[in-house]
PDB file of N, CA and C in Angstrom:
ATOM      1  N   MET A   1     -18.150 -16.347  10.388  1.00  0.00           N
ATOM      2  CA  MET A   1     -18.714 -16.741   9.099  1.00  0.00           C
ATOM      3  C   MET A   1     -17.675 -16.496   7.999  1.00  0.00           C
ATOM      4  N   MET A   2     -17.618 -17.400   7.050  1.00  0.00           N
ATOM      5  CA  MET A   2     -16.641 -17.298   5.972  1.00  0.00           C
ATOM      6  C   MET A   2     -17.317 -16.769   4.707  1.00  0.00           C
ATOM      7  N   ASP A   3     -16.527 -16.083   3.901  1.00  0.00           N
ATOM      8  CA  ASP A   3     -16.985 -15.595   2.606  1.00  0.00           C
ATOM      9  C   ASP A   3     -15.901 -15.925   1.599  1.00  0.00           C
ATOM     10  N   LYS A   4     -16.230 -15.910   0.325  1.00  0.00           N
ATOM     11  CA  LYS A   4     -15.272 -16.291  -0.705  1.00  0.00           C
ATOM     12  C   LYS A   4     -14.952 -15.096  -1.590  1.00  0.00           C
ATOM     13  N   CYS A   5     -13.662 -14.903  -1.856  1.00  0.00           N
ATOM     14  CA  CYS A   5     -13.216 -13.838  -2.758  1.00  0.00           C
ATOM     15  C   CYS A   5     -13.684 -14.170  -4.169  1.00  0.00           C
ATOM     16  N   SER A   6     -14.343 -13.220  -4.823  1.00  0.00           N
ATOM     17  CA  SER A   6     -14.849 -13.466  -6.174  1.00  0.00           C
ATOM     18  C   SER A   6     -13.736 -13.397  -7.215  1.00  0.00           C
ATOM     19  N   LYS A   7     -12.564 -12.910  -6.823  1.00  0.00           N
ATOM     20  CA  LYS A   7     -11.454 -12.788  -7.766  1.00  0.00           C
ATOM     21  C   LYS A   7     -10.547 -14.022  -7.742  1.00  0.00           C
ATOM     22  N   CYS A   8     -10.082 -14.425  -6.547  1.00  0.00           N
ATOM     23  CA  CYS A   8      -9.136 -15.545  -6.455  1.00  0.00           C
ATOM     24  C   CYS A   8      -9.770 -16.809  -5.885  1.00  0.00           C
ATOM     25  N   GLY A   9     -10.979 -16.693  -5.303  1.00  0.00           N
ATOM     26  CA  GLY A   9     -11.670 -17.858  -4.779  1.00  0.00           C
ATOM     27  C   GLY A   9     -11.267 -18.258  -3.370  1.00  0.00           C
ATOM     28  N   GLN A  10     -10.387 -17.498  -2.749  1.00  0.00           N
ATOM     29  CA  GLN A  10      -9.923 -17.810  -1.397  1.00  0.00           C
ATOM     30  C   GLN A  10     -11.039 -17.572  -0.391  1.00  0.00           C
ATOM     31  N   GLU A  11     -11.190 -18.509   0.558  1.00  0.00           N
ATOM     32  CA  GLU A  11     -12.165 -18.323   1.627  1.00  0.00           C
ATOM     33  C   GLU A  11     -11.531 -17.500   2.730  1.00  0.00           C
ATOM     34  N   VAL A  12     -12.221 -16.432   3.120  1.00  0.00           N
ATOM     35  CA  VAL A  12     -11.708 -15.529   4.148  1.00  0.00           C
ATOM     36  C   VAL A  12     -12.819 -15.197   5.130  1.00  0.00           C
ATOM     37  N   GLN A  13     -12.435 -14.710   6.299  1.00  0.00           N
ATOM     38  CA  GLN A  13     -13.412 -14.267   7.285  1.00  0.00           C
ATOM     39  C   GLN A  13     -14.226 -13.115   6.695  1.00  0.00           C
ATOM     40  N   GLU A  14     -15.475 -13.037   7.068  1.00  0.00           N
ATOM     41  CA  GLU A  14     -16.347 -11.978   6.561  1.00  0.00           C
ATOM     42  C   GLU A  14     -15.791 -10.594   6.893  1.00  0.00           C
ATOM     43  N   ASP A  15     -15.073 -10.479   8.022  1.00  0.00           N
ATOM     44  CA  ASP A  15     -14.466  -9.201   8.410  1.00  0.00           C
ATOM     45  C   ASP A  15     -13.346  -8.792   7.464  1.00  0.00           C
ATOM     46  N   ASP A  16     -12.760  -9.764   6.744  1.00  0.00           N
ATOM     47  CA  ASP A  16     -11.618  -9.496   5.873  1.00  0.00           C
ATOM     48  C   ASP A  16     -12.013  -9.409   4.408  1.00  0.00           C
ATOM     49  N   ILE A  17     -13.312  -9.281   4.124  1.00  0.00           N
ATOM     50  CA  ILE A  17     -13.763  -9.181   2.740  1.00  0.00           C
ATOM     51  C   ILE A  17     -14.082  -7.719   2.441  1.00  0.00           C
ATOM     52  N   TYR A  18     -13.729  -7.278   1.256  1.00  0.00           N
ATOM     53  CA  TYR A  18     -13.930  -5.883   0.848  1.00  0.00           C
ATOM     54  C   TYR A  18     -14.730  -5.864  -0.442  1.00  0.00           C
ATOM     55  N   GLU A  19     -15.428  -4.761  -0.669  1.00  0.00           N
ATOM     56  CA  GLU A  19     -16.173  -4.625  -1.911  1.00  0.00           C
ATOM     57  C   GLU A  19     -15.447  -3.641  -2.815  1.00  0.00           C
ATOM     58  N   VAL A  20     -15.032  -4.128  -3.985  1.00  0.00           N
ATOM     59  CA  VAL A  20     -14.328  -3.305  -4.965  1.00  0.00           C
ATOM     60  C   VAL A  20     -15.067  -3.460  -6.292  1.00  0.00           C
ATOM     61  N   ASN A  21     -15.546  -2.351  -6.832  1.00  0.00           N
ATOM     62  CA  ASN A  21     -16.290  -2.364  -8.093  1.00  0.00           C
ATOM     63  C   ASN A  21     -17.435  -3.379  -8.071  1.00  0.00           C
ATOM     64  N   GLY A  22     -18.114  -3.473  -6.933  1.00  0.00           N
ATOM     65  CA  GLY A  22     -19.259  -4.359  -6.814  1.00  0.00           C
ATOM     66  C   GLY A  22     -18.923  -5.819  -6.574  1.00  0.00           C
ATOM     67  N   GLN A  23     -17.634  -6.159  -6.447  1.00  0.00           N
ATOM     68  CA  GLN A  23     -17.224  -7.538  -6.201  1.00  0.00           C
ATOM     69  C   GLN A  23     -16.687  -7.677  -4.794  1.00  0.00           C
ATOM     70  N   LYS A  24     -16.963  -8.810  -4.158  1.00  0.00           N
ATOM     71  CA  LYS A  24     -16.408  -9.098  -2.839  1.00  0.00           C
ATOM     72  C   LYS A  24     -15.040  -9.726  -3.040  1.00  0.00           C
ATOM     73  N   VAL A  25     -14.000  -9.057  -2.539  1.00  0.00           N
ATOM     74  CA  VAL A  25     -12.637  -9.535  -2.734  1.00  0.00           C
ATOM     75  C   VAL A  25     -11.880  -9.570  -1.413  1.00  0.00           C
ATOM     76  N   CYS A  26     -10.826 -10.409  -1.359  1.00  0.00           N
ATOM     77  CA  CYS A  26      -9.987 -10.484  -0.168  1.00  0.00           C
ATOM     78  C   CYS A  26      -9.032  -9.284  -0.142  1.00  0.00           C
ATOM     79  N   GLU A  27      -8.310  -9.151   0.960  1.00  0.00           N
ATOM     80  CA  GLU A  27      -7.422  -8.000   1.121  1.00  0.00           C
ATOM     81  C   GLU A  27      -6.337  -7.971   0.047  1.00  0.00           C
ATOM     82  N   ASP A  28      -5.759  -9.135  -0.282  1.00  0.00           N
ATOM     83  CA  ASP A  28      -4.703  -9.182  -1.296  1.00  0.00           C
ATOM     84  C   ASP A  28      -5.212  -8.693  -2.648  1.00  0.00           C
ATOM     85  N   CYS A  29      -6.382  -9.170  -3.055  1.00  0.00           N
ATOM     86  CA  CYS A  29      -6.944  -8.743  -4.338  1.00  0.00           C
ATOM     87  C   CYS A  29      -7.332  -7.270  -4.308  1.00  0.00           C
ATOM     88  N   LYS A  30      -7.800  -6.795  -3.151  1.00  0.00           N
ATOM     89  CA  LYS A  30      -8.156  -5.379  -3.012  1.00  0.00           C
ATOM     90  C   LYS A  30      -6.923  -4.517  -3.216  1.00  0.00           C
ATOM     91  N   LEU A  31      -5.812  -4.909  -2.581  1.00  0.00           N
ATOM     92  CA  LEU A  31      -4.581  -4.134  -2.713  1.00  0.00           C
ATOM     93  C   LEU A  31      -4.077  -4.164  -4.150  1.00  0.00           C
ATOM     94  N   ASN A  32      -4.167  -5.308  -4.808  1.00  0.00           N
ATOM     95  CA  ASN A  32      -3.732  -5.413  -6.201  1.00  0.00           C
ATOM     96  C   ASN A  32      -4.624  -4.596  -7.122  1.00  0.00           C
ATOM     97  N   GLU A  33      -5.909  -4.554  -6.821  1.00  0.00           N
ATOM     98  CA  GLU A  33      -6.877  -3.828  -7.649  1.00  0.00           C
ATOM     99  C   GLU A  33      -6.704  -2.320  -7.532  1.00  0.00           C
ATOM    100  N   THR A  34      -6.383  -1.844  -6.336  1.00  0.00           N
ATOM    101  CA  THR A  34      -6.321  -0.403  -6.112  1.00  0.00           C
ATOM    102  C   THR A  34      -4.918   0.160  -6.285  1.00  0.00           C
ATOM    103  N   LYS A  35      -3.961  -0.696  -6.642  1.00  0.00           N
ATOM    104  CA  LYS A  35      -2.591  -0.229  -6.834  1.00  0.00           C
ATOM    105  C   LYS A  35      -2.562   0.763  -7.996  1.00  0.00           C
ATOM    106  N   VAL A  36      -1.940   1.897  -7.787  1.00  0.00           N
ATOM    107  CA  VAL A  36      -1.887   2.938  -8.808  1.00  0.00           C
ATOM    108  C   VAL A  36      -0.508   2.911  -9.458  1.00  0.00           C
ATOM    109  N   GLU A  37      -0.506   2.846 -10.765  1.00  0.00           N
ATOM    110  CA  GLU A  37       0.761   2.889 -11.494  1.00  0.00           C
ATOM    111  C   GLU A  37       1.346   4.288 -11.369  1.00  0.00           C
ATOM    112  N   SER A  38       2.637   4.368 -11.083  1.00  0.00           N
ATOM    113  CA  SER A  38       3.264   5.687 -10.982  1.00  0.00           C
ATOM    114  C   SER A  38       3.504   6.222 -12.385  1.00  0.00           C
ATOM    115  N   LYS A  39       3.115   7.452 -12.588  1.00  0.00           N
ATOM    116  CA  LYS A  39       3.267   8.097 -13.891  1.00  0.00           C
ATOM    117  C   LYS A  39       4.036   9.392 -13.696  1.00  0.00           C
ATOM    118  N   PRO A  40       4.899   9.719 -14.633  1.00  0.00           N
ATOM    119  CA  PRO A  40       5.637  10.976 -14.510  1.00  0.00           C
ATOM    120  C   PRO A  40       4.707  12.176 -14.626  1.00  0.00           C
ATOM    121  N   CYS A  41       5.034  13.210 -13.909  1.00  0.00           N
ATOM    122  CA  CYS A  41       4.250  14.438 -13.965  1.00  0.00           C
ATOM    123  C   CYS A  41       4.845  15.376 -15.010  1.00  0.00           C
ATOM    124  N   GLY A  42       4.031  16.256 -15.504  1.00  0.00           N
ATOM    125  CA  GLY A  42       4.530  17.268 -16.432  1.00  0.00           C
ATOM    126  C   GLY A  42       4.451  16.816 -17.877  1.00  0.00           C
ATOM    127  N   ASN A  43       4.911  17.682 -18.744  1.00  0.00           N
ATOM    128  CA  ASN A  43       4.860  17.441 -20.176  1.00  0.00           C
ATOM    129  C   ASN A  43       6.277  17.251 -20.695  1.00  0.00           C
ATOM    130  N   PHE A  44       6.606  16.035 -21.069  1.00  0.00           N
ATOM    131  CA  PHE A  44       7.964  15.734 -21.529  1.00  0.00           C
ATOM    132  C   PHE A  44       7.953  15.573 -23.047  1.00  0.00           C
ATOM    133  N   ASN A  45       8.251  16.637 -23.754  1.00  0.00           N
ATOM    134  CA  ASN A  45       8.280  16.597 -25.214  1.00  0.00           C
ATOM    135  C   ASN A  45       9.709  16.573 -25.731  1.00  0.00           C
ATOM    136  N   GLY A  46      10.566  15.736 -25.128  1.00  0.00           N
ATOM    137  CA  GLY A  46      11.937  15.520 -25.553  1.00  0.00           C
ATOM    138  C   GLY A  46      12.563  16.747 -25.997  1.00  0.00           C
TER     139      GLY A  46
END
């Protein structure tokens, strides 16, 4: 059975659909959504 990504509209197998923030998304959109921006640690006050 096929399902559609609510973010990009791509049709994917139901096994390859993920739920992120209540939306059904494909693997590519899931990875893009959960990507964490790297931030420096510590307090840098020049």
